[in-house]
Structure formats: structure tokens, C-alpha cells
Amino acid sequence: MNYTFGYNSSGKLVVTEVLLKAHLFISYIDYRQITRFFTQFNKENEKGLTKCLLIGREEISIILPDSPSINKYIIDNPELGNIKTVRRLFTTTHRIFVKRKSQKKNGYDPLLVLIDDIWQLVPKLNKVNSIKLKDLLSAGASFGIFLVIGSTLPYRNLLVQLMQPGKSNHSPVNETGAEMIINPDGLIFFRETGELEFKTFYPDNMIYDV
């Protein structure tokens, strides 16, 4: 799955493969930023989105085409999908995760789970589904299940929020996925999994000011 981040400081347009081995965490200020990300991501990977699950607002849902392979759960429109359908989503996705773990294949067809605002979702999950989401965050990428998670708040305690009471063995978020930050001016800061430093990318209307 590719994504065009923008221009680096040398003026070169950079296209990077994301979701190759890990999840992607996106921090943004305005929902229109995450909307633009999903729009561009869908445009660049239209043929690759063979299996996709979306949890988000109605504005986000219209970005992805209607398709039997794309399931949408709209949080802010009960007629199109309420929290019960979201919980069923995690149950279904977790079953796929468990099945793939038992298969031990060399490769899997990618299954994408797009969540436009994780902190809008987490408080609504019951204990069982919180654990399922934690499992997907911790190990899903190893079995071809990739999460693209947006948020306007920090992720640092996300896995802690999803932990079973009495258990403390969890991986920090920066070891389970790459991180992308979109600032109010449209600058993008991106850090691959395991890297310490963020790379900066500029939109085309700012590159000449670098």
C-alpha cells in the first residue's frame, strides 16, 4: 500500500510504502485532514483495497466505494451502523486473526481496518472487544491485518486503556506501528516503525519556501 506524503526538503516528491509490516497511527487536528488522507489513500490503492473495514463518521464513509468487500460502520448515524455493529466487526475480525494464527502461512491477503477517531470508539467498547482490539494492535500485522488509526489525541496510553485488568505485558505503541502527524499547515511528519526521528514532508504549495 503506497502513500504520497509530499515533498522532502530537497524538493523530491516522496511516495512511501505503508502498512508493509505494521499499523499506521495518524495524529491530526481537523477531521478534514484525515478525510483527505483516506481520499488519497483510496485513490492510490484502489485496486489493493480488496478487503476493507471502516469505522468512522459519515463524512469518511462516502470516500470509499460501495463494495461487497468494503464494510462500513458509521458511528454518528445509528441507521447506518451503531456500536453493536462495531462490536460485531471486532468479533469477526478477531476470528479472522485467530484463524490466520492457526494456519501459519507465509503470506496473507491484506485486511485493512480504518478507524478515523480511536478515542471516539474506545470508551464504547466492552471489555471483550477491548481485548480483541488490543490483540489486533499487538499482533494483527504479522497476519496481514493492518489498522489505520486516526486520532486528535496522543496514542501513548492506547494499549494501556485496552489491557485486561491485572496484566501488564504490552508493547508500546511506537513498536506496533508507524506514526504520521499532520499539523495545521499541512506539514506531514512521518516515522517508520522502530525509527527515532520523524521525517518532514511539505505540500506542493510550501516547497518553494523550504
Protein backbone atom coordinates (compact mmCIF):
# COMPACT_ATOMS: atom_id res chain seq x y z
CA MET A 1 0.00 0.00 0.00
CA ASN A 2 1.55 3.29 -1.12
CA TYR A 3 1.00 6.85 0.04
CA THR A 4 2.38 10.09 -1.39
CA PHE A 5 3.45 12.11 1.64
CA GLY A 6 4.58 15.21 -0.21
CA TYR A 7 7.95 16.79 -0.92
CA ASN A 8 11.11 16.41 1.16
CA SER A 9 13.50 19.30 1.85
CA SER A 10 15.29 18.61 -1.45
CA GLY A 11 12.10 19.17 -3.42
CA LYS A 12 11.65 15.49 -4.29
CA LEU A 13 8.15 14.03 -4.28
CA VAL A 14 8.18 11.05 -1.91
CA VAL A 15 5.95 8.00 -2.27
CA THR A 16 6.34 5.54 0.60
CA GLU A 17 5.00 2.04 1.09
CA VAL A 18 2.98 1.96 4.27
CA LEU A 19 1.29 -0.96 6.03
CA LEU A 20 4.04 -3.30 4.90
CA LYS A 21 4.82 -4.77 8.32
CA ALA A 22 2.99 -2.63 10.84
CA HIS A 23 -0.05 -0.50 11.58
CA LEU A 24 -0.25 3.23 10.89
CA PHE A 25 -1.19 5.79 13.54
CA ILE A 26 -2.26 9.23 12.31
CA SER A 27 -2.49 12.31 14.53
CA TYR A 28 -4.47 15.20 13.11
CA ILE A 29 -6.12 18.47 14.19
CA ASP A 30 -9.17 18.72 11.93
CA TYR A 31 -11.26 15.82 10.62
CA ARG A 32 -10.85 17.22 7.10
CA GLN A 33 -7.17 16.25 7.32
CA ILE A 34 -7.97 12.60 7.98
CA THR A 35 -10.65 12.80 5.27
CA ARG A 36 -8.02 13.95 2.76
CA PHE A 37 -5.71 11.14 3.87
CA PHE A 38 -8.36 8.45 3.32
CA THR A 39 -9.32 10.02 -0.03
CA GLN A 40 -5.75 9.97 -1.30
CA PHE A 41 -5.01 6.56 0.20
CA ASN A 42 -8.05 5.08 -1.54
CA LYS A 43 -7.10 6.75 -4.84
CA GLU A 44 -3.53 5.42 -4.77
CA ASN A 45 -4.51 1.92 -3.66
CA GLU A 46 -7.89 1.44 -5.30
CA LYS A 47 -7.03 -1.99 -6.68
CA GLY A 48 -5.39 -3.09 -3.43
CA LEU A 49 -8.38 -2.42 -1.19
CA THR A 50 -9.88 -5.86 -1.72
CA LYS A 51 -10.87 -6.31 1.92
CA CYS A 52 -11.52 -3.24 4.00
CA LEU A 53 -13.44 -2.38 7.18
CA LEU A 54 -14.19 1.25 8.04
CA ILE A 55 -15.26 2.61 11.41
CA GLY A 56 -15.89 6.32 11.35
CA ARG A 57 -18.10 9.29 10.71
CA GLU A 58 -20.43 9.55 7.78
CA GLU A 59 -18.18 12.12 6.05
CA ILE A 60 -15.42 9.49 5.97
CA SER A 61 -17.66 6.68 4.73
CA ILE A 62 -18.53 8.32 1.41
CA ILE A 63 -14.84 8.29 0.43
CA LEU A 64 -14.71 4.53 -0.02
CA PRO A 65 -16.81 3.00 -2.79
CA ASP A 66 -19.76 0.75 -2.07
CA SER A 67 -18.49 -2.78 -2.50
CA PRO A 68 -19.20 -6.23 -1.04
CA SER A 69 -15.57 -6.33 0.12
CA ILE A 70 -15.79 -3.00 1.97
CA ASN A 71 -17.85 -2.97 5.16
CA LYS A 72 -18.70 0.37 6.75
CA TYR A 73 -19.82 1.07 10.31
CA ILE A 74 -20.91 4.67 10.79
CA ILE A 75 -20.59 5.79 14.39
CA ASP A 76 -22.58 9.04 14.11
CA ASN A 77 -25.52 7.60 12.14
CA PRO A 78 -27.40 4.83 14.01
CA GLU A 79 -29.31 3.86 10.86
CA LEU A 80 -26.06 3.03 9.06
CA GLY A 81 -24.24 1.37 11.94
CA ASN A 82 -24.29 1.57 15.71
CA ILE A 83 -21.92 0.36 18.40
CA LYS A 84 -23.41 -3.15 18.28
CA THR A 85 -22.37 -3.50 14.66
CA VAL A 86 -18.91 -2.19 15.57
CA ARG A 87 -18.61 -4.85 18.25
CA ARG A 88 -19.63 -7.48 15.72
CA LEU A 89 -16.92 -6.11 13.47
CA PHE A 90 -14.26 -6.74 16.08
CA THR A 91 -15.63 -10.21 16.76
CA THR A 92 -15.48 -11.06 13.04
CA THR A 93 -12.03 -9.53 12.57
CA HIS A 94 -10.69 -11.30 15.65
CA ARG A 95 -11.96 -14.64 14.32
CA ILE A 96 -10.00 -14.00 11.11
CA PHE A 97 -6.97 -13.15 13.25
CA VAL A 98 -7.25 -16.38 15.28
CA LYS A 99 -7.79 -18.45 12.11
CA ARG A 100 -4.74 -16.95 10.43
CA LYS A 101 -2.61 -17.58 13.51
CA SER A 102 -3.51 -21.27 13.34
CA GLN A 103 -2.79 -21.50 9.60
CA LYS A 104 0.86 -20.36 9.83
CA LYS A 105 1.05 -19.39 6.16
CA ASN A 106 3.88 -17.45 4.54
CA GLY A 107 1.57 -14.71 3.29
CA TYR A 108 -1.96 -13.39 3.74
CA ASP A 109 -4.32 -11.21 1.73
CA PRO A 110 -4.26 -7.80 3.43
CA LEU A 111 -7.27 -6.88 5.54
CA LEU A 112 -7.45 -3.17 6.37
CA VAL A 113 -9.31 -1.75 9.36
CA LEU A 114 -9.70 2.03 9.06
CA ILE A 115 -10.68 3.94 12.21
CA ASP A 116 -10.98 7.69 11.87
CA ASP A 117 -11.06 8.55 15.60
CA ILE A 118 -9.95 5.84 18.00
CA TRP A 119 -10.80 7.79 21.15
CA GLN A 120 -14.39 8.16 20.00
CA LEU A 121 -14.54 4.39 19.75
CA VAL A 122 -12.58 3.05 22.75
CA PRO A 123 -14.97 4.25 25.51
CA LYS A 124 -17.85 2.47 23.73
CA LEU A 125 -16.16 -0.93 23.59
CA ASN A 126 -16.92 -3.50 26.23
CA LYS A 127 -14.16 -5.46 27.96
CA VAL A 128 -14.21 -8.36 25.48
CA ASN A 129 -13.92 -6.13 22.43
CA SER A 130 -11.23 -4.00 24.07
CA ILE A 131 -9.15 -7.16 24.42
CA LYS A 132 -9.81 -8.08 20.78
CA LEU A 133 -8.67 -4.64 19.63
CA LYS A 134 -5.58 -4.96 21.82
CA ASP A 135 -4.76 -8.32 20.21
CA LEU A 136 -5.11 -6.83 16.73
CA LEU A 137 -2.87 -3.91 17.68
CA SER A 138 -0.26 -6.15 19.25
CA ALA A 139 -0.03 -8.91 16.64
CA GLY A 140 -2.50 -8.39 13.79
CA ALA A 141 0.07 -7.01 11.34
CA SER A 142 2.02 -10.27 11.49
CA PHE A 143 -1.01 -11.99 9.98
CA GLY A 144 -1.93 -9.44 7.33
CA ILE A 145 -4.43 -7.45 9.40
CA PHE A 146 -3.46 -3.79 9.33
CA LEU A 147 -5.04 -0.96 11.28
CA VAL A 148 -5.00 2.65 10.11
CA ILE A 149 -5.99 4.60 13.20
CA GLY A 150 -6.65 8.32 13.38
CA SER A 151 -6.82 10.47 16.49
CA THR A 152 -6.78 14.06 17.67
CA LEU A 153 -5.28 12.94 21.00
CA PRO A 154 -1.98 11.18 21.90
CA TYR A 155 -1.73 7.41 21.45
CA ARG A 156 0.76 6.78 24.23
CA ASN A 157 -1.69 5.12 26.60
CA LEU A 158 -3.88 3.44 23.98
CA LEU A 159 -2.75 -0.13 24.69
CA VAL A 160 -2.89 0.54 28.43
CA GLN A 161 -6.54 1.55 28.04
CA LEU A 162 -7.22 -1.76 26.31
CA MET A 163 -5.34 -4.02 28.71
CA GLN A 164 -7.01 -6.74 30.73
CA PRO A 165 -7.04 -5.89 34.44
CA GLY A 166 -4.11 -7.49 36.25
CA LYS A 167 -1.93 -7.90 33.14
CA SER A 168 0.95 -5.60 32.31
CA ASN A 169 2.76 -7.27 29.40
CA HIS A 170 2.16 -4.97 26.46
CA SER A 171 4.18 -3.32 23.74
CA PRO A 172 4.39 0.48 23.48
CA VAL A 173 2.55 1.96 20.54
CA ASN A 174 5.73 3.08 18.78
CA GLU A 175 6.73 -0.57 18.41
CA THR A 176 3.45 -1.67 16.84
CA GLY A 177 3.20 0.84 14.03
CA ALA A 178 4.46 3.78 12.08
CA GLU A 179 3.39 7.27 13.12
CA MET A 180 2.19 10.15 10.99
CA ILE A 181 1.44 13.66 12.27
CA ILE A 182 -0.43 16.24 10.19
CA ASN A 183 -0.03 19.78 11.52
CA PRO A 184 -2.47 22.68 10.91
CA ASP A 185 -0.35 24.00 8.00
CA GLY A 186 -0.43 20.68 6.15
CA LEU A 187 3.10 19.62 7.04
CA ILE A 188 3.45 15.86 7.50
CA PHE A 189 5.85 14.27 9.97
CA PHE A 190 6.36 10.55 9.48
CA ARG A 191 8.30 7.96 11.46
CA GLU A 192 8.73 4.34 10.41
CA THR A 193 8.33 1.59 12.98
CA GLY A 194 11.46 1.41 15.13
CA GLU A 195 12.89 4.74 13.97
CA LEU A 196 13.63 7.53 16.43
CA GLU A 197 13.39 10.57 14.17
CA PHE A 198 10.46 11.92 12.17
CA LYS A 199 10.91 12.86 8.52
CA THR A 200 9.26 16.08 7.36
CA PHE A 201 7.22 16.38 4.16
CA TYR A 202 5.80 19.53 2.61
CA PRO A 203 2.70 20.10 0.47
CA ASP A 204 3.38 21.42 -3.01
CA ASN A 205 2.31 24.96 -2.08
CA MET A 206 5.06 25.17 0.57
CA ILE A 207 8.02 23.50 -1.12
CA TYR A 208 9.40 26.74 -2.56
CA ASP A 209 9.60 28.24 0.93
CA VAL A 210 11.80 25.41 2.30
